[in-house]
C-alpha cells in the first residue's frame, strides 16, 4: 500500500467520525461496478485478450506496439493496427527520437507520456520488458498484452 493510500485512509477515518452517513455512501459506491472497475483497471498493467481486442477495434488514441523483430512479424503475422518497434530499438525510440524522427522511422506519431501504450510480442516476455522500460521512462499509462501473438492467433483461428 502506498504512502498516499495510507494517508487517504487515515484522513477518511477521521472524516467518518464526523460524517458517518455520507462516508458510508461513499464506501458503498466504491464497490459498485463502474467505480470499482475504474479503480481495479486504471493501475492494471496487463490487458486481457477481450480488452485488447476492444482496444484494437476502437482505433482511438491508444498505441499498440509490437516489440518483436520484423522477421517474426513477416513469418508469423502481425496484429492489425499495431506498429513494430523492436524491443532492442524501443528505449532509444522513446527516449531520444524527436516526434518527427519517430514518425519518419515508424510511420506514426510518437506517443506522449500521457498516451495509453499497449505492448505486445509473441508470448508476453518481451512486452513485459518493454512495459518496464517505458514505465521507467515516464510512460505511466503503458500496459502489456501478456497473451501476445500466440494467444491472438489462437483466438482468430478458433
C-alpha atoms as a PDB file:
ATOM      1  CA  UNK A   1       0.000   0.000   0.000  1.00  0.00           C
ATOM      2  CA  UNK A   2       1.439   3.372  -0.995  1.00  0.00           C
ATOM      3  CA  UNK A   3       2.038   6.263   1.381  1.00  0.00           C
ATOM      4  CA  UNK A   4      -0.650   8.262  -0.458  1.00  0.00           C
ATOM      5  CA  UNK A   5      -3.153   5.452   0.052  1.00  0.00           C
ATOM      6  CA  UNK A   6      -2.346   5.186   3.762  1.00  0.00           C
ATOM      7  CA  UNK A   7      -2.715   8.966   4.102  1.00  0.00           C
ATOM      8  CA  UNK A   8      -6.077   8.845   2.343  1.00  0.00           C
ATOM      9  CA  UNK A   9      -7.311   6.055   4.622  1.00  0.00           C
ATOM     10  CA  UNK A  10      -6.258   7.923   7.788  1.00  0.00           C
ATOM     11  CA  UNK A  11      -7.955  11.128   6.560  1.00  0.00           C
ATOM     12  CA  UNK A  12     -11.052   9.158   5.645  1.00  0.00           C
ATOM     13  CA  UNK A  13     -11.189   7.532   9.095  1.00  0.00           C
ATOM     14  CA  UNK A  14     -11.108  10.992  10.725  1.00  0.00           C
ATOM     15  CA  UNK A  15     -13.848  12.206   8.392  1.00  0.00           C
ATOM     16  CA  UNK A  16     -16.053   9.221   9.282  1.00  0.00           C
ATOM     17  CA  UNK A  17     -16.085  10.303  12.932  1.00  0.00           C
ATOM     18  CA  UNK A  18     -17.971  13.472  11.989  1.00  0.00           C
ATOM     19  CA  UNK A  19     -19.897  12.442   8.873  1.00  0.00           C
ATOM     20  CA  UNK A  20     -20.637   8.694   9.040  1.00  0.00           C
ATOM     21  CA  UNK A  21     -23.643   8.565   6.673  1.00  0.00           C
ATOM     22  CA  UNK A  22     -22.006  10.299   3.648  1.00  0.00           C
ATOM     23  CA  UNK A  23     -18.864   8.258   4.236  1.00  0.00           C
ATOM     24  CA  UNK A  24     -20.811   5.006   4.267  1.00  0.00           C
ATOM     25  CA  UNK A  25     -22.471   6.040   0.994  1.00  0.00           C
ATOM     26  CA  UNK A  26     -19.030   6.729  -0.469  1.00  0.00           C
ATOM     27  CA  UNK A  27     -17.708   3.362   0.715  1.00  0.00           C
ATOM     28  CA  UNK A  28     -20.699   1.631  -0.855  1.00  0.00           C
ATOM     29  CA  UNK A  29     -20.096   3.475  -4.136  1.00  0.00           C
ATOM     30  CA  UNK A  30     -16.536   2.150  -4.249  1.00  0.00           C
ATOM     31  CA  UNK A  31     -17.961  -1.347  -4.523  1.00  0.00           C
ATOM     32  CA  UNK A  32     -20.421  -0.593  -7.326  1.00  0.00           C
ATOM     33  CA  UNK A  33     -19.326  -1.795 -10.707  1.00  0.00           C
ATOM     34  CA  UNK A  34     -18.320   1.342 -12.711  1.00  0.00           C
ATOM     35  CA  UNK A  35     -16.218   2.868  -9.955  1.00  0.00           C
ATOM     36  CA  UNK A  36     -14.799  -0.452  -8.837  1.00  0.00           C
ATOM     37  CA  UNK A  37     -13.802  -1.358 -12.402  1.00  0.00           C
ATOM     38  CA  UNK A  38     -12.106   2.014 -12.782  1.00  0.00           C
ATOM     39  CA  UNK A  39     -10.126   1.557  -9.566  1.00  0.00           C
ATOM     40  CA  UNK A  40      -9.186  -2.022 -10.410  1.00  0.00           C
ATOM     41  CA  UNK A  41      -8.190  -1.386 -14.013  1.00  0.00           C
ATOM     42  CA  UNK A  42      -6.648   2.080 -14.002  1.00  0.00           C
ATOM     43  CA  UNK A  43      -3.432   0.824 -12.460  1.00  0.00           C
ATOM     44  CA  UNK A  44      -3.520  -2.630 -14.025  1.00  0.00           C
ATOM     45  CA  UNK A  45      -0.515  -3.155 -16.233  1.00  0.00           C
ATOM     46  CA  UNK A  46      -1.781  -6.243 -18.052  1.00  0.00           C
ATOM     47  CA  UNK A  47      -4.501  -6.151 -20.686  1.00  0.00           C
ATOM     48  CA  UNK A  48      -6.754  -9.183 -21.150  1.00  0.00           C
ATOM     49  CA  UNK A  49      -7.492 -10.617 -24.586  1.00  0.00           C
ATOM     50  CA  UNK A  50     -11.037  -9.213 -24.598  1.00  0.00           C
ATOM     51  CA  UNK A  51      -9.862  -5.740 -23.540  1.00  0.00           C
ATOM     52  CA  UNK A  52      -7.056  -5.848 -26.110  1.00  0.00           C
ATOM     53  CA  UNK A  53      -9.495  -6.857 -28.851  1.00  0.00           C
ATOM     54  CA  UNK A  54     -11.773  -3.960 -27.932  1.00  0.00           C
ATOM     55  CA  UNK A  55      -8.848  -1.500 -27.972  1.00  0.00           C
ATOM     56  CA  UNK A  56      -7.826  -2.720 -31.448  1.00  0.00           C
ATOM     57  CA  UNK A  57     -11.400  -2.367 -32.754  1.00  0.00           C
ATOM     58  CA  UNK A  58     -11.937   1.127 -31.314  1.00  0.00           C
ATOM     59  CA  UNK A  59      -8.881   2.592 -33.078  1.00  0.00           C
ATOM     60  CA  UNK A  60      -8.789   5.589 -30.739  1.00  0.00           C
ATOM     61  CA  UNK A  61      -5.683   7.335 -29.395  1.00  0.00           C
ATOM     62  CA  UNK A  62      -4.176   4.180 -27.925  1.00  0.00           C
ATOM     63  CA  UNK A  63      -0.897   2.894 -29.310  1.00  0.00           C
ATOM     64  CA  UNK A  64      -0.335  -0.819 -29.845  1.00  0.00           C
ATOM     65  CA  UNK A  65       3.378  -1.505 -30.227  1.00  0.00           C
ATOM     66  CA  UNK A  66       4.610  -4.959 -31.206  1.00  0.00           C
ATOM     67  CA  UNK A  67       8.166  -5.360 -29.909  1.00  0.00           C
ATOM     68  CA  UNK A  68       9.031  -8.492 -31.907  1.00  0.00           C
ATOM     69  CA  UNK A  69      11.716  -8.476 -34.588  1.00  0.00           C
ATOM     70  CA  UNK A  70      10.452  -7.524 -38.090  1.00  0.00           C
ATOM     71  CA  UNK A  71      11.210 -11.009 -39.445  1.00  0.00           C
ATOM     72  CA  UNK A  72       8.953 -12.526 -36.767  1.00  0.00           C
ATOM     73  CA  UNK A  73       6.080 -10.377 -37.966  1.00  0.00           C
ATOM     74  CA  UNK A  74       6.766 -11.382 -41.579  1.00  0.00           C
ATOM     75  CA  UNK A  75       6.959 -15.093 -40.694  1.00  0.00           C
ATOM     76  CA  UNK A  76       4.162 -15.350 -38.128  1.00  0.00           C
ATOM     77  CA  UNK A  77       1.885 -12.383 -38.738  1.00  0.00           C
ATOM     78  CA  UNK A  78       1.022  -9.132 -37.031  1.00  0.00           C
ATOM     79  CA  UNK A  79      -1.908  -7.822 -35.062  1.00  0.00           C
ATOM     80  CA  UNK A  80      -3.908  -5.411 -37.197  1.00  0.00           C
ATOM     81  CA  UNK A  81      -3.403  -1.810 -36.122  1.00  0.00           C
ATOM     82  CA  UNK A  82      -0.127  -2.445 -34.317  1.00  0.00           C
ATOM     83  CA  UNK A  83       3.181  -0.852 -35.188  1.00  0.00           C
ATOM     84  CA  UNK A  84       6.521  -2.575 -34.961  1.00  0.00           C
ATOM     85  CA  UNK A  85       9.186  -1.100 -32.713  1.00  0.00           C
ATOM     86  CA  UNK A  86      11.579  -3.958 -31.909  1.00  0.00           C
ATOM     87  CA  UNK A  87      12.496  -4.277 -28.247  1.00  0.00           C
ATOM     88  CA  UNK A  88      16.157  -3.531 -28.939  1.00  0.00           C
ATOM     89  CA  UNK A  89      15.139  -0.176 -30.503  1.00  0.00           C
ATOM     90  CA  UNK A  90      12.410   0.764 -28.047  1.00  0.00           C
ATOM     91  CA  UNK A  91      14.350   2.616 -25.367  1.00  0.00           C
ATOM     92  CA  UNK A  92      16.193   4.770 -27.900  1.00  0.00           C
ATOM     93  CA  UNK A  93      12.961   5.429 -29.815  1.00  0.00           C
ATOM     94  CA  UNK A  94      11.036   6.562 -26.737  1.00  0.00           C
ATOM     95  CA  UNK A  95      13.894   8.400 -25.071  1.00  0.00           C
ATOM     96  CA  UNK A  96      15.839  10.013 -27.903  1.00  0.00           C
ATOM     97  CA  UNK A  97      13.852  10.258 -31.127  1.00  0.00           C
ATOM     98  CA  UNK A  98      12.055  13.516 -31.806  1.00  0.00           C
ATOM     99  CA  UNK A  99       8.408  13.419 -32.857  1.00  0.00           C
ATOM    100  CA  UNK A 100       9.452  13.878 -36.496  1.00  0.00           C
ATOM    101  CA  UNK A 101      12.200  11.228 -36.338  1.00  0.00           C
ATOM    102  CA  UNK A 102       9.816   8.748 -34.716  1.00  0.00           C
ATOM    103  CA  UNK A 103       7.139   9.410 -37.363  1.00  0.00           C
ATOM    104  CA  UNK A 104       9.680   9.040 -40.174  1.00  0.00           C
ATOM    105  CA  UNK A 105      11.062   5.767 -38.814  1.00  0.00           C
ATOM    106  CA  UNK A 106       7.855   4.063 -37.624  1.00  0.00           C
ATOM    107  CA  UNK A 107       5.129   5.737 -39.693  1.00  0.00           C
ATOM    108  CA  UNK A 108       3.077   7.149 -36.814  1.00  0.00           C
ATOM    109  CA  UNK A 109       3.287   9.991 -34.341  1.00  0.00           C
ATOM    110  CA  UNK A 110       5.408   9.360 -31.290  1.00  0.00           C
ATOM    111  CA  UNK A 111       3.246   8.602 -28.253  1.00  0.00           C
ATOM    112  CA  UNK A 112       3.364  11.166 -25.486  1.00  0.00           C
ATOM    113  CA  UNK A 113       3.886  10.113 -21.894  1.00  0.00           C
ATOM    114  CA  UNK A 114       0.125  10.572 -21.371  1.00  0.00           C
ATOM    115  CA  UNK A 115      -0.971   8.174 -24.117  1.00  0.00           C
ATOM    116  CA  UNK A 116      -2.027   4.630 -23.413  1.00  0.00           C
ATOM    117  CA  UNK A 117       0.537   2.297 -24.970  1.00  0.00           C
ATOM    118  CA  UNK A 118      -0.065  -1.433 -25.083  1.00  0.00           C
ATOM    119  CA  UNK A 119       2.968  -3.560 -25.838  1.00  0.00           C
ATOM    120  CA  UNK A 120       2.684  -7.000 -27.384  1.00  0.00           C
ATOM    121  CA  UNK A 121       5.137  -9.650 -28.518  1.00  0.00           C
ATOM    122  CA  UNK A 122       4.923 -13.384 -29.136  1.00  0.00           C
ATOM    123  CA  UNK A 123       4.131 -14.657 -25.642  1.00  0.00           C
ATOM    124  CA  UNK A 124       4.366 -11.778 -23.160  1.00  0.00           C
ATOM    125  CA  UNK A 125       8.016 -11.867 -22.086  1.00  0.00           C
ATOM    126  CA  UNK A 126       9.355  -9.080 -24.282  1.00  0.00           C
ATOM    127  CA  UNK A 127       6.215  -6.995 -23.881  1.00  0.00           C
ATOM    128  CA  UNK A 128       6.688  -7.168 -20.089  1.00  0.00           C
ATOM    129  CA  UNK A 129      10.268  -5.919 -20.555  1.00  0.00           C
ATOM    130  CA  UNK A 130       9.002  -3.163 -22.861  1.00  0.00           C
ATOM    131  CA  UNK A 131       6.443  -2.157 -20.237  1.00  0.00           C
ATOM    132  CA  UNK A 132       9.111  -1.963 -17.556  1.00  0.00           C
ATOM    133  CA  UNK A 133      11.340   0.108 -19.834  1.00  0.00           C
ATOM    134  CA  UNK A 134       8.538   2.512 -20.799  1.00  0.00           C
ATOM    135  CA  UNK A 135       7.454   2.861 -17.184  1.00  0.00           C
ATOM    136  CA  UNK A 136      10.996   3.861 -16.175  1.00  0.00           C
ATOM    137  CA  UNK A 137      10.981   6.473 -18.958  1.00  0.00           C
ATOM    138  CA  UNK A 138       7.804   8.024 -17.527  1.00  0.00           C
ATOM    139  CA  UNK A 139       5.154   6.396 -19.729  1.00  0.00           C
ATOM    140  CA  UNK A 140       2.843   5.684 -16.803  1.00  0.00           C
ATOM    141  CA  UNK A 141      -0.126   4.668 -18.965  1.00  0.00           C
ATOM    142  CA  UNK A 142       1.859   1.856 -20.587  1.00  0.00           C
ATOM    143  CA  UNK A 143       0.455  -1.675 -20.369  1.00  0.00           C
ATOM    144  CA  UNK A 144       1.168  -5.017 -21.977  1.00  0.00           C
ATOM    145  CA  UNK A 145      -0.815  -7.829 -23.526  1.00  0.00           C
ATOM    146  CA  UNK A 146       0.700 -10.959 -21.959  1.00  0.00           C
ATOM    147  CA  UNK A 147      -1.039 -13.346 -24.359  1.00  0.00           C
ATOM    148  CA  UNK A 148       0.827 -11.854 -27.287  1.00  0.00           C
ATOM    149  CA  UNK A 149       0.676 -13.121 -30.838  1.00  0.00           C
ATOM    150  CA  UNK A 150       0.335 -16.724 -29.621  1.00  0.00           C
ATOM    151  CA  UNK A 151      -2.986 -16.044 -27.873  1.00  0.00           C
ATOM    152  CA  UNK A 152      -4.163 -13.640 -30.579  1.00  0.00           C
ATOM    153  CA  UNK A 153      -3.533 -16.121 -33.405  1.00  0.00           C
ATOM    154  CA  UNK A 154      -5.198 -18.951 -31.484  1.00  0.00           C
ATOM    155  CA  UNK A 155      -8.306 -16.802 -30.918  1.00  0.00           C
ATOM    156  CA  UNK A 156      -8.623 -15.748 -34.560  1.00  0.00           C
ATOM    157  CA  UNK A 157      -8.228 -19.350 -35.751  1.00  0.00           C
ATOM    158  CA  UNK A 158     -10.988 -20.693 -33.498  1.00  0.00           C
END
